[in-house]
N, C-alpha and C. Protein backbone atom coordinates (compact mmCIF):
# COMPACT_ATOMS: atom_id res chain seq x y z
N MET A 1 42.70 143.95 27.27
CA MET A 1 41.26 144.06 27.25
C MET A 1 40.76 143.22 26.08
N CYS A 2 39.91 142.27 26.38
CA CYS A 2 39.34 141.38 25.37
C CYS A 2 37.84 141.67 25.31
N ILE A 3 37.42 142.32 24.24
CA ILE A 3 36.04 142.81 24.12
C ILE A 3 35.22 141.86 23.25
N HIS A 4 34.00 141.57 23.69
CA HIS A 4 33.11 140.72 22.90
C HIS A 4 31.67 141.20 23.10
N GLY A 5 30.89 141.13 22.04
CA GLY A 5 29.47 141.47 22.11
C GLY A 5 28.64 140.22 22.26
N ASP A 6 27.62 140.26 23.10
CA ASP A 6 26.80 139.07 23.33
C ASP A 6 25.92 138.69 22.15
N LYS A 7 25.80 139.57 21.17
CA LYS A 7 24.99 139.29 19.99
C LYS A 7 25.86 139.05 18.75
N ASP A 8 27.14 138.75 18.96
CA ASP A 8 28.08 138.52 17.86
C ASP A 8 27.68 137.25 17.11
N ILE A 9 27.42 137.39 15.80
CA ILE A 9 27.07 136.24 14.97
C ILE A 9 28.26 135.75 14.14
N VAL A 10 29.41 136.39 14.32
CA VAL A 10 30.60 136.03 13.56
C VAL A 10 31.55 135.19 14.40
N VAL A 11 31.86 135.63 15.62
CA VAL A 11 32.77 134.92 16.51
C VAL A 11 31.98 134.41 17.71
N ASN A 12 32.02 133.12 17.92
CA ASN A 12 31.33 132.48 19.03
C ASN A 12 31.94 132.95 20.35
N LEU A 13 31.10 133.25 21.33
CA LEU A 13 31.55 133.72 22.63
C LEU A 13 32.51 132.72 23.28
N LYS A 14 32.22 131.44 23.14
CA LYS A 14 33.09 130.40 23.72
C LYS A 14 34.50 130.48 23.10
N ASN A 15 34.58 130.68 21.78
CA ASN A 15 35.88 130.80 21.12
C ASN A 15 36.63 132.04 21.60
N SER A 16 35.91 133.12 21.77
CA SER A 16 36.52 134.35 22.26
C SER A 16 37.09 134.14 23.67
N TYR A 17 36.34 133.45 24.52
CA TYR A 17 36.79 133.21 25.89
C TYR A 17 38.01 132.29 25.90
N GLU A 18 38.04 131.30 25.03
CA GLU A 18 39.19 130.39 24.95
C GLU A 18 40.44 131.17 24.53
N LEU A 19 40.31 132.06 23.59
CA LEU A 19 41.43 132.90 23.17
C LEU A 19 41.88 133.78 24.32
N TYR A 20 40.94 134.35 25.04
CA TYR A 20 41.26 135.18 26.20
C TYR A 20 42.09 134.39 27.21
N LYS A 21 41.66 133.15 27.51
CA LYS A 21 42.38 132.34 28.50
C LYS A 21 43.82 132.06 28.05
N LYS A 22 44.02 131.82 26.77
CA LYS A 22 45.37 131.57 26.27
C LYS A 22 46.24 132.81 26.41
N VAL A 23 45.70 133.95 26.08
CA VAL A 23 46.46 135.20 26.17
C VAL A 23 46.68 135.57 27.64
N ALA A 24 45.66 135.36 28.47
CA ALA A 24 45.75 135.73 29.88
C ALA A 24 46.85 134.94 30.60
N ASN A 25 47.16 133.75 30.12
CA ASN A 25 48.24 132.97 30.72
C ASN A 25 49.59 133.63 30.49
N LYS A 26 49.70 134.44 29.45
CA LYS A 26 50.97 135.09 29.10
C LYS A 26 51.00 136.56 29.49
N LYS A 27 49.86 137.20 29.50
CA LYS A 27 49.77 138.63 29.82
C LYS A 27 48.89 138.79 31.05
N LYS A 28 49.37 139.49 32.02
CA LYS A 28 48.61 139.65 33.27
C LYS A 28 47.69 140.86 33.25
N ASN A 29 47.88 141.78 32.33
CA ASN A 29 47.07 143.01 32.32
C ASN A 29 45.92 142.92 31.32
N ILE A 30 45.37 141.74 31.13
CA ILE A 30 44.24 141.58 30.20
C ILE A 30 43.03 141.07 30.98
N HIS A 31 41.88 141.55 30.59
CA HIS A 31 40.64 141.05 31.20
C HIS A 31 39.52 141.08 30.18
N PRO A 32 38.56 140.15 30.31
CA PRO A 32 37.46 140.09 29.34
C PRO A 32 36.37 141.11 29.67
N VAL A 33 35.76 141.66 28.63
CA VAL A 33 34.64 142.57 28.80
C VAL A 33 33.55 142.12 27.81
N LEU A 34 32.40 141.78 28.34
CA LEU A 34 31.28 141.37 27.51
C LEU A 34 30.25 142.50 27.50
N TYR A 35 29.94 142.99 26.30
CA TYR A 35 28.95 144.06 26.17
C TYR A 35 27.61 143.47 25.75
N GLU A 36 26.56 143.85 26.47
CA GLU A 36 25.21 143.41 26.13
C GLU A 36 24.69 144.18 24.93
N ASN A 37 23.88 143.50 24.13
CA ASN A 37 23.26 144.08 22.94
C ASN A 37 24.29 144.63 21.97
N LYS A 38 25.42 143.95 21.86
CA LYS A 38 26.47 144.31 20.91
C LYS A 38 26.74 143.12 20.02
N GLY A 39 27.06 143.42 18.78
CA GLY A 39 27.39 142.37 17.84
C GLY A 39 28.89 142.23 17.67
N HIS A 40 29.31 141.96 16.44
CA HIS A 40 30.72 141.71 16.13
C HIS A 40 31.57 142.97 16.23
N HIS A 41 30.96 144.12 16.08
CA HIS A 41 31.68 145.39 16.12
C HIS A 41 31.20 146.20 17.34
N PRO A 42 31.66 145.87 18.52
CA PRO A 42 31.13 146.55 19.71
C PRO A 42 31.50 148.03 19.81
N PHE A 43 32.41 148.49 18.97
CA PHE A 43 32.81 149.90 19.02
C PHE A 43 31.79 150.82 18.38
N ILE A 44 30.87 150.24 17.61
CA ILE A 44 29.81 151.06 17.00
C ILE A 44 28.49 150.73 17.67
N THR A 45 27.51 151.59 17.47
CA THR A 45 26.20 151.36 18.06
C THR A 45 25.56 150.12 17.44
N TYR A 46 24.67 149.49 18.19
CA TYR A 46 23.97 148.31 17.69
C TYR A 46 23.17 148.65 16.44
N GLU A 47 22.60 149.85 16.41
CA GLU A 47 21.82 150.28 15.24
C GLU A 47 22.72 150.37 14.00
N SER A 48 23.94 150.89 14.19
CA SER A 48 24.87 150.97 13.06
C SER A 48 25.25 149.59 12.56
N GLU A 49 25.44 148.67 13.49
CA GLU A 49 25.79 147.31 13.07
C GLU A 49 24.64 146.65 12.32
N GLN A 50 23.42 146.92 12.75
CA GLN A 50 22.26 146.37 12.04
C GLN A 50 22.21 146.89 10.60
N LEU A 51 22.53 148.18 10.41
CA LEU A 51 22.58 148.74 9.06
C LEU A 51 23.70 148.09 8.24
N GLN A 52 24.85 147.83 8.88
CA GLN A 52 25.94 147.16 8.18
C GLN A 52 25.53 145.75 7.78
N ASN A 53 24.82 145.06 8.66
CA ASN A 53 24.34 143.71 8.34
C ASN A 53 23.35 143.75 7.19
N LYS A 54 22.50 144.76 7.19
CA LYS A 54 21.52 144.90 6.10
C LYS A 54 22.25 145.14 4.77
N LEU A 55 23.29 145.94 4.82
CA LEU A 55 24.08 146.18 3.62
C LEU A 55 24.75 144.89 3.16
N SER A 56 25.35 144.15 4.10
CA SER A 56 26.01 142.89 3.76
C SER A 56 25.02 141.89 3.19
N ASN A 57 23.82 141.84 3.76
CA ASN A 57 22.78 140.93 3.25
C ASN A 57 22.42 141.29 1.81
N GLY A 58 22.29 142.56 1.53
CA GLY A 58 21.95 143.01 0.18
C GLY A 58 23.03 142.68 -0.83
N LEU A 59 24.26 142.62 -0.38
CA LEU A 59 25.38 142.26 -1.25
C LEU A 59 25.58 140.75 -1.30
N GLY A 60 24.80 140.02 -0.53
CA GLY A 60 24.92 138.57 -0.49
C GLY A 60 26.08 138.08 0.35
N LEU A 61 26.66 138.94 1.19
CA LEU A 61 27.82 138.55 1.98
C LEU A 61 27.47 137.66 3.16
N LEU A 62 26.25 137.72 3.64
CA LEU A 62 25.84 136.89 4.76
C LEU A 62 24.90 135.77 4.33
N GLY A 63 24.82 135.56 3.02
CA GLY A 63 23.99 134.48 2.51
C GLY A 63 22.51 134.81 2.47
N GLU A 64 22.15 136.01 2.81
CA GLU A 64 20.74 136.42 2.80
C GLU A 64 20.40 137.01 1.43
N ASN A 65 19.17 136.90 1.05
CA ASN A 65 18.72 137.49 -0.21
C ASN A 65 17.78 138.62 0.13
N GLU A 66 18.35 139.77 0.39
CA GLU A 66 17.59 140.94 0.82
C GLU A 66 17.96 142.10 -0.10
N PRO A 67 17.02 142.99 -0.37
CA PRO A 67 17.37 144.15 -1.21
C PRO A 67 18.53 144.94 -0.60
N ALA A 68 19.40 145.44 -1.45
CA ALA A 68 20.57 146.19 -0.98
C ALA A 68 20.12 147.43 -0.23
N TYR A 69 20.84 147.75 0.83
CA TYR A 69 20.57 148.94 1.61
C TYR A 69 21.11 150.15 0.86
N ASP A 70 20.32 151.19 0.78
CA ASP A 70 20.71 152.40 0.06
C ASP A 70 21.62 153.26 0.93
N LEU A 71 22.87 153.36 0.53
CA LEU A 71 23.84 154.14 1.30
C LEU A 71 23.97 155.58 0.84
N LYS A 72 23.27 155.95 -0.19
CA LYS A 72 23.45 157.30 -0.76
C LYS A 72 23.34 158.39 0.29
N ASN A 73 22.35 158.30 1.14
CA ASN A 73 22.14 159.36 2.14
C ASN A 73 22.47 158.93 3.55
N ASN A 74 22.79 157.67 3.75
CA ASN A 74 22.92 157.16 5.11
C ASN A 74 24.25 156.49 5.40
N TYR A 75 25.28 156.77 4.62
CA TYR A 75 26.56 156.09 4.80
C TYR A 75 27.10 156.24 6.22
N PHE A 76 27.08 157.44 6.76
CA PHE A 76 27.67 157.68 8.07
C PHE A 76 26.87 157.03 9.21
N GLU A 77 25.62 156.68 8.96
CA GLU A 77 24.82 156.00 9.98
C GLU A 77 25.31 154.58 10.22
N THR A 78 26.10 154.03 9.30
CA THR A 78 26.59 152.66 9.45
C THR A 78 27.84 152.59 10.30
N TYR A 79 28.35 153.73 10.75
CA TYR A 79 29.56 153.70 11.57
C TYR A 79 29.54 154.76 12.67
N ILE A 80 28.48 154.76 13.45
CA ILE A 80 28.38 155.67 14.60
C ILE A 80 29.03 154.99 15.80
N LEU A 81 30.06 155.62 16.35
CA LEU A 81 30.79 155.03 17.46
C LEU A 81 29.97 155.04 18.74
N ASP A 82 30.14 154.00 19.53
CA ASP A 82 29.49 153.90 20.82
C ASP A 82 30.41 154.56 21.85
N GLU A 83 30.00 155.69 22.37
CA GLU A 83 30.86 156.47 23.26
C GLU A 83 31.24 155.71 24.53
N GLN A 84 30.33 154.92 25.07
CA GLN A 84 30.64 154.18 26.30
C GLN A 84 31.77 153.18 26.06
N VAL A 85 31.71 152.45 24.96
CA VAL A 85 32.76 151.46 24.67
C VAL A 85 34.09 152.17 24.42
N ILE A 86 34.07 153.24 23.66
CA ILE A 86 35.29 153.99 23.38
C ILE A 86 35.88 154.52 24.69
N ASN A 87 35.05 155.05 25.56
CA ASN A 87 35.53 155.56 26.85
C ASN A 87 36.11 154.45 27.72
N ASP A 88 35.48 153.28 27.69
CA ASP A 88 36.00 152.13 28.45
C ASP A 88 37.40 151.74 27.95
N VAL A 89 37.57 151.71 26.65
CA VAL A 89 38.87 151.36 26.06
C VAL A 89 39.92 152.41 26.43
N LEU A 90 39.58 153.67 26.31
CA LEU A 90 40.52 154.74 26.64
C LEU A 90 40.91 154.68 28.13
N LYS A 91 39.94 154.42 28.99
CA LYS A 91 40.23 154.29 30.41
C LYS A 91 41.19 153.12 30.66
N PHE A 92 40.93 152.00 30.01
CA PHE A 92 41.79 150.82 30.15
C PHE A 92 43.22 151.15 29.70
N LEU A 93 43.35 151.84 28.58
CA LEU A 93 44.67 152.17 28.05
C LEU A 93 45.42 153.15 28.93
N ASN A 94 44.68 154.01 29.61
CA ASN A 94 45.31 155.02 30.46
C ASN A 94 45.62 154.54 31.87
N ASP A 95 45.04 153.42 32.26
CA ASP A 95 45.29 152.88 33.63
C ASP A 95 46.61 152.15 33.70
């Protein structure tokens, strides 16, 4: 299973597909899955990824100059799992 988010700003979709094709030539039980409205971390909700990006911007990790995101009360909001993606992966692993 090769998972990619259509809003990924880290890995280009074309590069992900090229990697998939190389692996698919060697492994027959792999297939690509493209999730809409997902970024680089499709296992978490899009809202969580936006908060992670805001945090990274505040730390200067993405080259943005934005005030740091306050994690004191909202740390767990940055890593809320997307149940649909997790279920899809579990189904794939169990098939």
